[in-house]
Amino acid sequence: MAQPPHEPTPPAPAHRAPLFRPRATTLFRVALLGLGLVAVSAGYGTWQYFHSNYWNRIGFAPNQPVLFSHRHHAGELRIDCRNCHTSVEQTAFAGMPSTHTCLACHSQIFTDTTMLRPVVLSSSEDEPIAWNRVDQLPQHVYFNHSIHLAKGVACTECHGDIGNMAMTAKATPMTMRWCLDCHRDPSMRLHPRDEIFSPHPLPHCSRTEGEKLLAAYHISTRHLTNCSTCHH
């Protein structure tokens, strides 16, 4: 009986090199971890930058037309803030000293100094001195100096150690979050009436003293964080 023809054995498939080497997975995981760290670092760095003193311009002291020193006038001579900022207790705006206010003292002292020359020129030309703002709030924010003073908020709570500033500099962020932190719990930032105009920072009171001041100033925190309180 005839035997069936012998079928040839198919050749073994050729060995192919793997597309990725074994360490590729490790490298991929390291790359993903690196990207994650970069993203987290970038986010953290951005957050720190936009909450930094540099971004908020803490310590920024713009040039002024007159070299006026709060350290000398308010700190050393102890001139009351209201002598120059005359409307601070009655209106939203603190008011800036007029040329006449300056010359009330300086018509007798330091009249021929270079520092006082812009004041003398302002008087002779009947032009007010153009002071440069230190603290600038957005136009959509409403801030009233008089109500804060009436409720026991001292000048230094916002303006810092003004009695030690040779050049007036920004001392606090004055951001929305900074304001809300105080509006949510103002008790420990309040002061008795006789301390409100101190040119130097005052220690914060205790919780118990703060609660008493809240009651004395008739402050209710119920509506202090409403949008309409600061955004009219």
Protein backbone atom coordinates (compact mmCIF):
# COMPACT_ATOMS: atom_id res chain seq x y z
CA MET A 1 0.00 0.00 0.00
CA ALA A 2 1.44 3.36 -1.01
CA GLN A 3 2.47 5.66 1.81
CA PRO A 4 1.13 9.26 1.80
CA PRO A 5 3.68 11.78 0.88
CA HIS A 6 5.52 13.21 3.89
CA GLU A 7 4.46 16.80 4.57
CA PRO A 8 7.38 19.09 5.29
CA THR A 9 7.50 20.51 8.80
CA PRO A 10 6.71 24.23 8.71
CA PRO A 11 9.67 26.38 9.67
CA ALA A 12 9.67 27.84 13.16
CA PRO A 13 8.62 31.49 13.26
CA ALA A 14 11.49 33.91 13.26
CA HIS A 15 12.25 35.44 16.67
CA ARG A 16 11.31 39.11 16.74
CA ALA A 17 12.96 41.62 19.04
CA PRO A 18 10.47 43.26 21.48
CA LEU A 19 9.29 46.76 20.54
CA PHE A 20 10.21 48.13 23.98
CA ARG A 21 12.96 46.92 26.16
CA PRO A 22 12.11 45.86 29.74
CA ARG A 23 13.48 49.05 31.24
CA ALA A 24 11.16 51.15 29.04
CA THR A 25 8.32 50.59 31.51
CA THR A 26 10.51 51.81 34.33
CA LEU A 27 11.55 54.88 32.35
CA PHE A 28 7.90 55.60 31.48
CA ARG A 29 6.90 55.46 35.12
CA VAL A 30 9.78 57.72 36.10
CA ALA A 31 8.74 60.19 33.37
CA LEU A 32 5.14 60.21 34.62
CA LEU A 33 6.32 60.76 38.17
CA GLY A 34 8.57 63.60 36.97
CA LEU A 35 5.70 65.27 35.10
CA GLY A 36 3.52 64.97 38.16
CA LEU A 37 6.19 66.56 40.34
CA VAL A 38 6.67 69.36 37.82
CA ALA A 39 2.91 70.04 37.75
CA VAL A 40 2.66 70.05 41.54
CA SER A 41 5.75 72.24 41.88
CA ALA A 42 4.45 74.67 39.27
CA GLY A 43 1.09 74.89 41.03
CA TYR A 44 2.69 75.40 44.42
CA GLY A 45 5.12 77.98 43.05
CA THR A 46 2.28 79.88 41.38
CA TRP A 47 0.24 79.84 44.58
CA GLN A 48 3.21 81.10 46.58
CA TYR A 49 3.91 83.86 44.06
CA PHE A 50 0.36 85.20 44.03
CA HIS A 51 0.32 85.18 47.85
CA SER A 52 3.80 86.62 48.28
CA ASN A 53 4.81 90.01 49.59
CA TYR A 54 6.27 90.77 46.16
CA TRP A 55 2.94 90.25 44.37
CA ASN A 56 1.04 92.12 47.08
CA ARG A 57 3.67 94.88 47.05
CA ILE A 58 4.28 94.68 50.78
CA GLY A 59 7.00 97.16 51.65
CA PHE A 60 6.39 99.18 48.47
CA ALA A 61 7.03 102.86 49.13
CA PRO A 62 6.32 105.06 46.10
CA ASN A 63 8.21 108.28 45.60
CA GLN A 64 6.38 111.30 46.92
CA PRO A 65 6.58 114.96 45.87
CA VAL A 66 7.58 115.83 49.45
CA LEU A 67 9.91 113.76 51.63
CA PHE A 68 7.43 113.42 54.45
CA SER A 69 8.34 111.12 57.33
CA HIS A 70 5.63 109.57 59.49
CA ARG A 71 8.39 108.34 61.78
CA HIS A 72 9.36 111.92 62.57
CA HIS A 73 5.91 113.52 62.67
CA ALA A 74 3.72 110.74 64.11
CA GLY A 75 6.35 108.66 65.92
CA GLU A 76 8.79 111.20 67.36
CA LEU A 77 6.68 114.38 67.54
CA ARG A 78 3.49 112.40 68.31
CA ILE A 79 1.33 114.51 66.03
CA ASP A 80 -2.16 113.02 65.96
CA CYS A 81 -3.17 111.37 62.66
CA ARG A 82 -6.30 113.53 62.51
CA ASN A 83 -4.21 116.68 62.33
CA CYS A 84 -3.41 115.85 58.69
CA HIS A 85 -6.10 113.30 57.82
CA THR A 86 -8.91 115.54 58.93
CA SER A 87 -11.87 113.68 57.44
CA VAL A 88 -10.90 110.17 58.56
CA GLU A 89 -13.58 110.02 61.28
CA GLN A 90 -16.42 111.46 59.22
CA THR A 91 -16.07 110.14 55.69
CA ALA A 92 -14.94 107.14 53.68
CA PHE A 93 -11.80 108.98 52.55
CA ALA A 94 -9.16 109.74 55.17
CA GLY A 95 -8.25 113.04 53.56
CA MET A 96 -4.81 114.33 52.65
CA PRO A 97 -3.16 117.35 54.24
CA SER A 98 -3.52 120.60 52.37
CA THR A 99 -0.61 122.90 51.76
CA HIS A 100 -2.03 125.20 54.41
CA THR A 101 -1.86 122.36 56.95
CA CYS A 102 1.82 121.85 56.24
CA LEU A 103 2.62 125.55 56.37
CA ALA A 104 0.78 125.97 59.66
CA CYS A 105 3.99 124.62 61.20
CA HIS A 106 6.53 125.08 58.45
CA SER A 107 5.96 128.77 57.88
CA GLN A 108 8.11 129.10 60.99
CA ILE A 109 10.53 126.16 60.83
CA PHE A 110 12.65 124.70 58.01
CA THR A 111 11.22 127.26 55.60
CA ASP A 112 14.34 127.44 53.42
CA THR A 113 15.13 123.71 53.16
CA THR A 114 15.14 121.79 49.90
CA MET A 115 12.65 119.25 51.28
CA LEU A 116 10.06 121.95 51.90
CA ARG A 117 10.47 123.63 48.54
CA PRO A 118 7.58 121.71 46.88
CA VAL A 119 5.28 122.84 49.69
CA VAL A 120 6.28 126.48 49.31
CA LEU A 121 5.87 126.20 45.53
CA SER A 122 2.44 124.64 45.99
CA SER A 123 1.38 127.57 48.13
CA SER A 124 2.76 130.24 45.80
CA GLU A 125 1.13 128.67 42.72
CA ASP A 126 -2.08 127.76 44.57
CA GLU A 127 -1.82 124.16 43.35
CA PRO A 128 -2.41 121.20 45.69
CA ILE A 129 0.38 118.70 46.26
CA ALA A 130 -0.14 115.57 44.15
CA TRP A 131 0.61 112.78 46.62
CA ASN A 132 1.05 109.26 45.25
CA ARG A 133 -1.17 106.50 46.61
CA VAL A 134 0.45 103.81 48.74
CA ASP A 135 -2.59 101.58 49.22
CA GLN A 136 -4.67 101.15 46.08
CA LEU A 137 -7.96 99.24 46.13
CA PRO A 138 -9.82 98.17 42.96
CA GLN A 139 -12.56 100.53 41.82
CA HIS A 140 -15.27 97.97 42.57
CA VAL A 141 -14.26 97.83 46.25
CA TYR A 142 -15.83 100.24 48.70
CA PHE A 143 -13.89 101.00 51.87
CA ASN A 144 -15.01 103.43 54.54
CA HIS A 145 -12.41 104.72 57.00
CA SER A 146 -14.95 106.26 59.38
CA ILE A 147 -16.94 103.09 60.08
CA HIS A 148 -13.81 101.06 60.79
CA LEU A 149 -12.55 103.64 63.28
CA ALA A 150 -15.98 103.94 64.86
CA LYS A 151 -15.98 100.18 65.43
CA GLY A 152 -12.56 100.04 67.08
CA VAL A 153 -10.25 99.14 64.20
CA ALA A 154 -6.93 100.93 64.79
CA CYS A 155 -5.02 102.64 61.97
CA THR A 156 -2.11 100.22 62.34
CA GLU A 157 -4.31 97.18 61.65
CA CYS A 158 -4.25 98.19 57.98
CA HIS A 159 -1.32 100.60 57.72
CA GLY A 160 1.21 98.77 59.88
CA ASP A 161 3.86 100.40 62.04
CA ILE A 162 3.33 103.81 60.48
CA GLY A 163 5.11 105.52 63.37
CA ASN A 164 8.40 103.91 62.31
CA MET A 165 8.14 104.59 58.57
CA ALA A 166 10.51 107.21 57.22
CA MET A 167 8.90 106.58 53.81
CA THR A 168 5.29 105.46 53.89
CA ALA A 169 5.10 101.88 52.61
CA LYS A 170 2.35 99.35 52.07
CA ALA A 171 2.15 97.12 55.14
CA THR A 172 -0.72 94.68 54.53
CA PRO A 173 -2.01 92.76 51.47
CA MET A 174 -5.51 94.31 51.50
CA THR A 175 -6.73 91.43 49.38
CA MET A 176 -10.29 90.11 49.50
CA ARG A 177 -9.19 87.10 51.53
CA TRP A 178 -7.31 89.31 53.98
CA CYS A 179 -10.37 91.50 54.52
CA LEU A 180 -12.70 88.52 54.89
CA ASP A 181 -10.43 86.94 57.51
CA CYS A 182 -11.04 90.01 59.66
CA HIS A 183 -14.74 90.33 58.83
CA ARG A 184 -15.38 86.72 59.83
CA ASP A 185 -13.81 87.23 63.25
CA PRO A 186 -12.94 90.85 64.07
CA SER A 187 -13.06 90.46 67.84
CA MET A 188 -9.33 90.06 68.53
CA ARG A 189 -8.42 92.92 66.18
CA LEU A 190 -10.48 95.54 67.99
CA HIS A 191 -9.08 98.17 70.37
CA PRO A 192 -10.40 100.64 72.93
CA ARG A 193 -11.15 104.11 71.60
CA ASP A 194 -8.13 105.70 73.24
CA GLU A 195 -5.77 103.34 71.36
CA ILE A 196 -7.23 103.60 67.87
CA PHE A 197 -4.90 106.36 66.64
CA SER A 198 -1.68 104.91 68.03
CA PRO A 199 1.12 105.21 65.44
CA HIS A 200 2.59 101.88 66.53
CA PRO A 201 1.00 98.40 66.33
CA LEU A 202 -0.91 97.30 69.38
CA PRO A 203 -1.05 93.74 70.73
CA HIS A 204 -4.22 91.86 69.85
CA CYS A 205 -6.61 91.41 72.72
CA SER A 206 -7.70 88.09 74.15
CA ARG A 207 -10.84 86.30 73.02
CA THR A 208 -12.69 87.36 76.15
CA GLU A 209 -11.69 91.02 75.77
CA GLY A 210 -12.57 90.86 72.09
CA GLU A 211 -16.06 89.62 72.81
CA LYS A 212 -16.55 92.50 75.23
CA LEU A 213 -15.40 95.00 72.58
CA LEU A 214 -17.76 93.45 70.03
CA ALA A 215 -20.62 94.11 72.39
CA ALA A 216 -19.39 97.59 73.32
CA TYR A 217 -19.13 98.63 69.65
CA HIS A 218 -22.45 96.92 68.79
CA ILE A 219 -20.85 94.81 66.08
CA SER A 220 -22.81 91.96 64.52
CA THR A 221 -20.81 89.65 62.25
CA ARG A 222 -23.98 88.29 60.61
CA HIS A 223 -23.75 90.51 57.54
CA LEU A 224 -20.04 91.42 57.50
CA THR A 225 -19.25 88.84 54.81
CA ASN A 226 -22.14 89.79 52.51
CA CYS A 227 -21.00 90.86 49.05
CA SER A 228 -22.88 94.15 49.34
CA THR A 229 -20.85 95.13 52.42
CA CYS A 230 -17.79 95.93 50.30
CA HIS A 231 -19.16 95.87 46.74
CA HIS A 232 -21.79 98.56 46.30
